[in-house]
Amino acid sequence: MRPNTSTNISASNAATTNGSVILIQNVFAVSAQAINTGTPTGSVKLQASNDPVKGLATDSNGNLVPVNWTDIANTSTSISAAGSVLIPKVDVCYQWLRAVYIDTATNSSEVTAVTTGASAWKFTAPVSGHYQVTGAAYFDTGTATDITVYKNGSADTRIAYVYSAVATVSGSTLITLNAGDYIDLRVDASVTLSGSGAPYITHASIHRIGN
């Protein structure tokens, strides 16, 4: 038996947060208690990873960082008021463990993740994971250009290219984001976009599809 009673996560009421990573080799059961203050609206759960130790990257503090996380069944517990909630004992046979706090009040609306504006538009990931990013644009003036996904201000993936000055194009890509990373879609500055007006629609859609 190897008890661990350390604090795994410290989260704001307005932020979805992943807890620190715990190596749980030779641990056979776990339980957790969440102590809440203020007016939280969300849930807490446990996740596990079986990523092998060898080959894992490290963070700025030298800690290993597993990549593939899966929810442990029946550990998600809702939080709606100050106080404490308990995740009862569950048997475990995993390599790594962490707690996750999900702020459902903030993340229930896609608007909270999007900054709007002609030159300021961006999507900020509320939680780490793999995101499917799709963009479509109608170019009504200009020259050949492309649609590129920028991650944290740097070009990441070109998802579409148009050879004509007047055309509708679309593209999609899968991108991995940490909570707080942001992305935006950009085109060449020499073109003009038609924002809406059927059948010409310029839009973006972003969906989280997994950890």
C-alpha atoms as a PDB file:
ATOM      1  CA  MET A   1       0.000   0.000   0.000  1.00  0.00           C
ATOM      2  CA  ARG A   2       1.327   3.445  -0.956  1.00  0.00           C
ATOM      3  CA  PRO A   3      -0.949   6.257   0.305  1.00  0.00           C
ATOM      4  CA  ASN A   4      -0.921   9.668  -1.394  1.00  0.00           C
ATOM      5  CA  THR A   5      -2.783  12.502   0.311  1.00  0.00           C
ATOM      6  CA  SER A   6      -1.301  15.431  -1.615  1.00  0.00           C
ATOM      7  CA  THR A   7      -3.326  18.164  -3.308  1.00  0.00           C
ATOM      8  CA  ASN A   8      -3.729  17.170  -6.955  1.00  0.00           C
ATOM      9  CA  ILE A   9      -5.581  20.176  -8.326  1.00  0.00           C
ATOM     10  CA  SER A  10      -6.234  23.798  -7.423  1.00  0.00           C
ATOM     11  CA  ALA A  11      -8.773  25.338  -9.775  1.00  0.00           C
ATOM     12  CA  SER A  12     -10.585  28.638 -10.127  1.00  0.00           C
ATOM     13  CA  ASN A  13     -14.372  28.521 -10.327  1.00  0.00           C
ATOM     14  CA  ALA A  14     -14.074  29.981 -13.833  1.00  0.00           C
ATOM     15  CA  ALA A  15     -11.458  27.700 -15.356  1.00  0.00           C
ATOM     16  CA  THR A  16     -11.397  24.107 -16.519  1.00  0.00           C
ATOM     17  CA  THR A  17      -8.195  22.670 -15.069  1.00  0.00           C
ATOM     18  CA  ASN A  18      -6.205  19.436 -15.318  1.00  0.00           C
ATOM     19  CA  GLY A  19      -4.577  18.309 -12.094  1.00  0.00           C
ATOM     20  CA  SER A  20      -0.963  17.334 -11.629  1.00  0.00           C
ATOM     21  CA  VAL A  21       0.129  13.914 -12.858  1.00  0.00           C
ATOM     22  CA  ILE A  22       0.547  11.110 -10.310  1.00  0.00           C
ATOM     23  CA  LEU A  23       2.486   7.932 -11.067  1.00  0.00           C
ATOM     24  CA  ILE A  24       0.343   5.164  -9.530  1.00  0.00           C
ATOM     25  CA  GLN A  25       2.322   1.993 -10.114  1.00  0.00           C
ATOM     26  CA  ASN A  26       1.665  -0.448  -7.235  1.00  0.00           C
ATOM     27  CA  VAL A  27      -1.470   1.479  -6.227  1.00  0.00           C
ATOM     28  CA  PHE A  28      -4.602  -0.661  -6.171  1.00  0.00           C
ATOM     29  CA  ALA A  29      -7.370   1.780  -5.180  1.00  0.00           C
ATOM     30  CA  VAL A  30      -7.967   5.516  -5.063  1.00  0.00           C
ATOM     31  CA  SER A  31     -10.564   7.967  -3.782  1.00  0.00           C
ATOM     32  CA  ALA A  32     -10.691  11.738  -3.952  1.00  0.00           C
ATOM     33  CA  GLN A  33     -12.304  14.644  -2.156  1.00  0.00           C
ATOM     34  CA  ALA A  34     -13.006  18.038  -3.702  1.00  0.00           C
ATOM     35  CA  ILE A  35     -13.304  20.974  -1.295  1.00  0.00           C
ATOM     36  CA  ASN A  36     -15.134  23.885  -2.898  1.00  0.00           C
ATOM     37  CA  THR A  37     -15.449  27.555  -2.014  1.00  0.00           C
ATOM     38  CA  GLY A  38     -17.374  30.375  -3.659  1.00  0.00           C
ATOM     39  CA  THR A  39     -20.092  29.494  -6.154  1.00  0.00           C
ATOM     40  CA  PRO A  40     -18.738  26.680  -8.332  1.00  0.00           C
ATOM     41  CA  THR A  41     -20.777  25.193 -11.167  1.00  0.00           C
ATOM     42  CA  GLY A  42     -19.060  22.209 -12.700  1.00  0.00           C
ATOM     43  CA  SER A  43     -17.813  18.723 -12.057  1.00  0.00           C
ATOM     44  CA  VAL A  44     -14.702  16.875 -10.978  1.00  0.00           C
ATOM     45  CA  LYS A  45     -13.544  13.500 -12.293  1.00  0.00           C
ATOM     46  CA  LEU A  46     -10.544  11.193 -12.409  1.00  0.00           C
ATOM     47  CA  GLN A  47      -8.608  10.297 -15.546  1.00  0.00           C
ATOM     48  CA  ALA A  48      -5.989   7.626 -16.168  1.00  0.00           C
ATOM     49  CA  SER A  49      -3.240   7.033 -18.701  1.00  0.00           C
ATOM     50  CA  ASN A  50      -1.218   3.943 -19.547  1.00  0.00           C
ATOM     51  CA  ASP A  51       1.424   5.799 -21.551  1.00  0.00           C
ATOM     52  CA  PRO A  52       4.814   4.114 -21.042  1.00  0.00           C
ATOM     53  CA  VAL A  53       7.385   6.094 -19.092  1.00  0.00           C
ATOM     54  CA  LYS A  54      10.035   5.693 -21.752  1.00  0.00           C
ATOM     55  CA  GLY A  55       9.823   8.356 -24.452  1.00  0.00           C
ATOM     56  CA  LEU A  56       7.545  10.803 -22.626  1.00  0.00           C
ATOM     57  CA  ALA A  57       8.299  14.509 -22.885  1.00  0.00           C
ATOM     58  CA  THR A  58       8.900  16.595 -19.777  1.00  0.00           C
ATOM     59  CA  ASP A  59       7.473  19.931 -18.688  1.00  0.00           C
ATOM     60  CA  SER A  60       9.453  22.989 -17.588  1.00  0.00           C
ATOM     61  CA  ASN A  61       9.889  21.460 -14.125  1.00  0.00           C
ATOM     62  CA  GLY A  62      11.269  18.195 -15.467  1.00  0.00           C
ATOM     63  CA  ASN A  63       8.083  16.204 -14.790  1.00  0.00           C
ATOM     64  CA  LEU A  64       6.990  13.543 -17.276  1.00  0.00           C
ATOM     65  CA  VAL A  65       3.901  14.464 -19.324  1.00  0.00           C
ATOM     66  CA  PRO A  66       1.616  11.592 -20.434  1.00  0.00           C
ATOM     67  CA  VAL A  67      -0.357  12.391 -23.583  1.00  0.00           C
ATOM     68  CA  ASN A  68      -3.282   9.958 -23.778  1.00  0.00           C
ATOM     69  CA  TRP A  69      -5.903  10.330 -21.052  1.00  0.00           C
ATOM     70  CA  THR A  70      -9.215   8.513 -20.564  1.00  0.00           C
ATOM     71  CA  ASP A  71     -11.979   9.143 -18.029  1.00  0.00           C
ATOM     72  CA  ILE A  72     -12.255   6.527 -15.278  1.00  0.00           C
ATOM     73  CA  ALA A  73     -15.846   5.312 -15.341  1.00  0.00           C
ATOM     74  CA  ASN A  74     -18.232   6.454 -12.601  1.00  0.00           C
ATOM     75  CA  THR A  75     -15.872   9.039 -11.089  1.00  0.00           C
ATOM     76  CA  SER A  76     -17.511  12.223 -12.409  1.00  0.00           C
ATOM     77  CA  THR A  77     -19.200  14.166  -9.598  1.00  0.00           C
ATOM     78  CA  SER A  78     -21.179  17.392  -9.975  1.00  0.00           C
ATOM     79  CA  ILE A  79     -20.326  20.508  -7.966  1.00  0.00           C
ATOM     80  CA  SER A  80     -22.951  23.202  -7.469  1.00  0.00           C
ATOM     81  CA  ALA A  81     -22.254  24.796  -4.098  1.00  0.00           C
ATOM     82  CA  ALA A  82     -19.550  25.467  -1.574  1.00  0.00           C
ATOM     83  CA  GLY A  83     -18.639  22.465   0.560  1.00  0.00           C
ATOM     84  CA  SER A  84     -17.066  19.138  -0.284  1.00  0.00           C
ATOM     85  CA  VAL A  85     -17.852  16.181  -2.526  1.00  0.00           C
ATOM     86  CA  LEU A  86     -16.332  12.736  -2.468  1.00  0.00           C
ATOM     87  CA  ILE A  87     -15.361  10.413  -5.295  1.00  0.00           C
ATOM     88  CA  PRO A  88     -15.693   6.988  -3.619  1.00  0.00           C
ATOM     89  CA  LYS A  89     -12.969   4.365  -3.783  1.00  0.00           C
ATOM     90  CA  VAL A  90     -12.343   2.864  -7.197  1.00  0.00           C
ATOM     91  CA  ASP A  91     -10.013   0.030  -8.085  1.00  0.00           C
ATOM     92  CA  VAL A  92      -7.187   1.083 -10.379  1.00  0.00           C
ATOM     93  CA  CYS A  93      -4.650  -0.691 -12.549  1.00  0.00           C
ATOM     94  CA  TYR A  94      -3.088   2.172 -14.479  1.00  0.00           C
ATOM     95  CA  GLN A  95       0.223   3.916 -14.972  1.00  0.00           C
ATOM     96  CA  TRP A  96      -0.816   7.529 -14.333  1.00  0.00           C
ATOM     97  CA  LEU A  97      -3.673   9.374 -12.609  1.00  0.00           C
ATOM     98  CA  ARG A  98      -4.940  12.952 -12.503  1.00  0.00           C
ATOM     99  CA  ALA A  99      -8.038  14.868 -11.414  1.00  0.00           C
ATOM    100  CA  VAL A 100      -9.879  17.193 -13.785  1.00  0.00           C
ATOM    101  CA  TYR A 101     -12.175  20.076 -12.863  1.00  0.00           C
ATOM    102  CA  ILE A 102     -14.652  21.078 -15.597  1.00  0.00           C
ATOM    103  CA  ASP A 103     -16.257  24.508 -15.337  1.00  0.00           C
ATOM    104  CA  THR A 104     -19.633  23.919 -16.980  1.00  0.00           C
ATOM    105  CA  ALA A 105     -20.875  27.459 -16.288  1.00  0.00           C
ATOM    106  CA  THR A 106     -18.169  28.956 -18.498  1.00  0.00           C
ATOM    107  CA  ASN A 107     -17.722  26.200 -21.049  1.00  0.00           C
ATOM    108  CA  SER A 108     -21.409  25.507 -21.676  1.00  0.00           C
ATOM    109  CA  SER A 109     -21.401  28.337 -24.216  1.00  0.00           C
ATOM    110  CA  GLU A 110     -19.137  28.445 -27.230  1.00  0.00           C
ATOM    111  CA  VAL A 111     -19.196  32.245 -27.066  1.00  0.00           C
ATOM    112  CA  THR A 112     -16.909  32.272 -24.014  1.00  0.00           C
ATOM    113  CA  ALA A 113     -14.166  30.555 -26.011  1.00  0.00           C
ATOM    114  CA  VAL A 114     -14.300  32.952 -28.966  1.00  0.00           C
ATOM    115  CA  THR A 115     -12.923  36.482 -29.166  1.00  0.00           C
ATOM    116  CA  THR A 116     -14.722  38.346 -31.938  1.00  0.00           C
ATOM    117  CA  GLY A 117     -13.633  41.190 -34.172  1.00  0.00           C
ATOM    118  CA  ALA A 118     -12.403  41.632 -37.737  1.00  0.00           C
ATOM    119  CA  SER A 119      -8.743  41.655 -36.701  1.00  0.00           C
ATOM    120  CA  ALA A 120      -8.991  40.037 -33.259  1.00  0.00           C
ATOM    121  CA  TRP A 121     -10.968  36.827 -33.892  1.00  0.00           C
ATOM    122  CA  LYS A 122      -9.581  33.765 -32.158  1.00  0.00           C
ATOM    123  CA  PHE A 123     -10.686  30.580 -30.438  1.00  0.00           C
ATOM    124  CA  THR A 124      -9.121  29.812 -27.049  1.00  0.00           C
ATOM    125  CA  ALA A 125      -9.224  26.173 -25.962  1.00  0.00           C
ATOM    126  CA  PRO A 126     -11.110  25.874 -22.652  1.00  0.00           C
ATOM    127  CA  VAL A 127      -9.699  22.390 -22.079  1.00  0.00           C
ATOM    128  CA  SER A 128      -6.775  20.394 -23.476  1.00  0.00           C
ATOM    129  CA  GLY A 129      -7.512  17.928 -26.264  1.00  0.00           C
ATOM    130  CA  HIS A 130      -7.673  17.228 -29.975  1.00  0.00           C
ATOM    131  CA  TYR A 131      -9.780  19.713 -31.943  1.00  0.00           C
ATOM    132  CA  GLN A 132     -11.262  19.402 -35.429  1.00  0.00           C
ATOM    133  CA  VAL A 133     -10.962  22.791 -37.140  1.00  0.00           C
ATOM    134  CA  THR A 134     -12.896  23.549 -40.322  1.00  0.00           C
ATOM    135  CA  GLY A 135     -12.861  26.810 -42.248  1.00  0.00           C
ATOM    136  CA  ALA A 136     -14.702  27.993 -45.355  1.00  0.00           C
ATOM    137  CA  ALA A 137     -14.414  31.276 -47.224  1.00  0.00           C
ATOM    138  CA  TYR A 138     -15.817  32.998 -50.286  1.00  0.00           C
ATOM    139  CA  PHE A 139     -13.269  35.209 -52.028  1.00  0.00           C
ATOM    140  CA  ASP A 140     -14.901  37.842 -54.243  1.00  0.00           C
ATOM    141  CA  THR A 141     -11.798  39.868 -55.129  1.00  0.00           C
ATOM    142  CA  GLY A 142      -8.065  39.369 -55.079  1.00  0.00           C
ATOM    143  CA  THR A 143      -5.602  36.772 -56.313  1.00  0.00           C
ATOM    144  CA  ALA A 144      -4.751  33.177 -55.528  1.00  0.00           C
ATOM    145  CA  THR A 145      -4.454  32.633 -51.773  1.00  0.00           C
ATOM    146  CA  ASP A 146      -4.923  30.114 -48.971  1.00  0.00           C
ATOM    147  CA  ILE A 147      -6.577  29.537 -45.598  1.00  0.00           C
ATOM    148  CA  THR A 148      -4.096  28.828 -42.809  1.00  0.00           C
ATOM    149  CA  VAL A 149      -4.672  27.854 -39.186  1.00  0.00           C
ATOM    150  CA  TYR A 150      -2.449  29.837 -36.810  1.00  0.00           C
ATOM    151  CA  LYS A 151      -1.698  28.450 -33.337  1.00  0.00           C
ATOM    152  CA  ASN A 152      -0.640  30.898 -30.633  1.00  0.00           C
ATOM    153  CA  GLY A 153       0.219  33.456 -33.319  1.00  0.00           C
ATOM    154  CA  SER A 154       2.318  31.180 -35.567  1.00  0.00           C
ATOM    155  CA  ALA A 155       1.311  29.459 -38.807  1.00  0.00           C
ATOM    156  CA  ASP A 156       0.470  25.811 -38.115  1.00  0.00           C
ATOM    157  CA  THR A 157      -1.435  24.185 -41.014  1.00  0.00           C
ATOM    158  CA  ARG A 158      -2.640  25.337 -44.435  1.00  0.00           C
ATOM    159  CA  ILE A 159      -6.086  23.797 -44.905  1.00  0.00           C
ATOM    160  CA  ALA A 160      -7.135  25.177 -48.298  1.00  0.00           C
ATOM    161  CA  TYR A 161      -5.770  26.929 -51.366  1.00  0.00           C
ATOM    162  CA  VAL A 162      -7.646  28.840 -54.049  1.00  0.00           C
ATOM    163  CA  TYR A 163      -6.253  29.498 -57.520  1.00  0.00           C
ATOM    164  CA  SER A 164      -8.953  31.902 -58.660  1.00  0.00           C
ATOM    165  CA  ALA A 165      -9.836  35.416 -57.553  1.00  0.00           C
ATOM    166  CA  VAL A 166     -13.508  34.445 -57.141  1.00  0.00           C
ATOM    167  CA  ALA A 167     -14.175  31.098 -55.475  1.00  0.00           C
ATOM    168  CA  THR A 168     -15.491  29.321 -52.398  1.00  0.00           C
ATOM    169  CA  VAL A 169     -13.042  27.001 -50.650  1.00  0.00           C
ATOM    170  CA  SER A 170     -12.993  24.999 -47.438  1.00  0.00           C
ATOM    171  CA  GLY A 171     -10.649  22.755 -45.522  1.00  0.00           C
ATOM    172  CA  SER A 172     -10.209  20.949 -42.247  1.00  0.00           C
ATOM    173  CA  THR A 173      -7.449  19.747 -39.945  1.00  0.00           C
ATOM    174  CA  LEU A 174      -6.943  18.069 -36.572  1.00  0.00           C
ATOM    175  CA  ILE A 175      -4.900  20.081 -34.079  1.00  0.00           C
ATOM    176  CA  THR A 176      -3.823  19.386 -30.501  1.00  0.00           C
ATOM    177  CA  LEU A 177      -4.334  22.255 -28.038  1.00  0.00           C
ATOM    178  CA  ASN A 178      -3.556  22.719 -24.387  1.00  0.00           C
ATOM    179  CA  ALA A 179      -6.020  24.645 -22.263  1.00  0.00           C
ATOM    180  CA  GLY A 180      -5.325  28.327 -22.957  1.00  0.00           C
ATOM    181  CA  ASP A 181      -3.830  27.780 -26.422  1.00  0.00           C
ATOM    182  CA  TYR A 182      -5.539  29.847 -29.101  1.00  0.00           C
ATOM    183  CA  ILE A 183      -6.024  29.513 -32.829  1.00  0.00           C
ATOM    184  CA  ASP A 184      -7.248  31.749 -35.632  1.00  0.00           C
ATOM    185  CA  LEU A 185      -7.762  31.330 -39.378  1.00  0.00           C
ATOM    186  CA  ARG A 186      -6.091  33.722 -41.800  1.00  0.00           C
ATOM    187  CA  VAL A 187      -6.024  34.382 -45.536  1.00  0.00           C
ATOM    188  CA  ASP A 188      -3.687  36.394 -47.709  1.00  0.00           C
ATOM    189  CA  ALA A 189      -4.087  40.142 -47.113  1.00  0.00           C
ATOM    190  CA  SER A 190      -4.561  40.838 -50.845  1.00  0.00           C
ATOM    191  CA  VAL A 191      -8.048  39.278 -51.021  1.00  0.00           C
ATOM    192  CA  THR A 192     -11.507  40.395 -49.972  1.00  0.00           C
ATOM    193  CA  LEU A 193     -13.915  38.024 -48.223  1.00  0.00           C
ATOM    194  CA  SER A 194     -17.684  37.942 -48.422  1.00  0.00           C
ATOM    195  CA  GLY A 195     -18.807  37.371 -44.853  1.00  0.00           C
ATOM    196  CA  SER A 196     -22.345  36.143 -45.489  1.00  0.00           C
ATOM    197  CA  GLY A 197     -25.269  36.279 -47.847  1.00  0.00           C
ATOM    198  CA  ALA A 198     -26.407  32.942 -49.177  1.00  0.00           C
ATOM    199  CA  PRO A 199     -25.095  31.020 -50.928  1.00  0.00           C
ATOM    200  CA  TYR A 200     -21.712  32.574 -50.081  1.00  0.00           C
ATOM    201  CA  ILE A 201     -20.830  31.908 -46.465  1.00  0.00           C
ATOM    202  CA  THR A 202     -17.523  32.502 -44.705  1.00  0.00           C
ATOM    203  CA  HIS A 203     -17.334  30.628 -41.417  1.00  0.00           C
ATOM    204  CA  ALA A 204     -15.304  28.459 -39.057  1.00  0.00           C
ATOM    205  CA  SER A 205     -16.330  25.527 -36.869  1.00  0.00           C
ATOM    206  CA  ILE A 206     -14.262  23.978 -34.094  1.00  0.00           C
ATOM    207  CA  HIS A 207     -15.089  20.757 -32.245  1.00  0.00           C
ATOM    208  CA  ARG A 208     -13.184  18.981 -29.485  1.00  0.00           C
ATOM    209  CA  ILE A 209     -13.131  15.289 -30.367  1.00  0.00           C
ATOM    210  CA  GLY A 210     -11.054  13.783 -27.565  1.00  0.00           C
ATOM    211  CA  ASN A 211      -8.109  14.065 -25.211  1.00  0.00           C
END
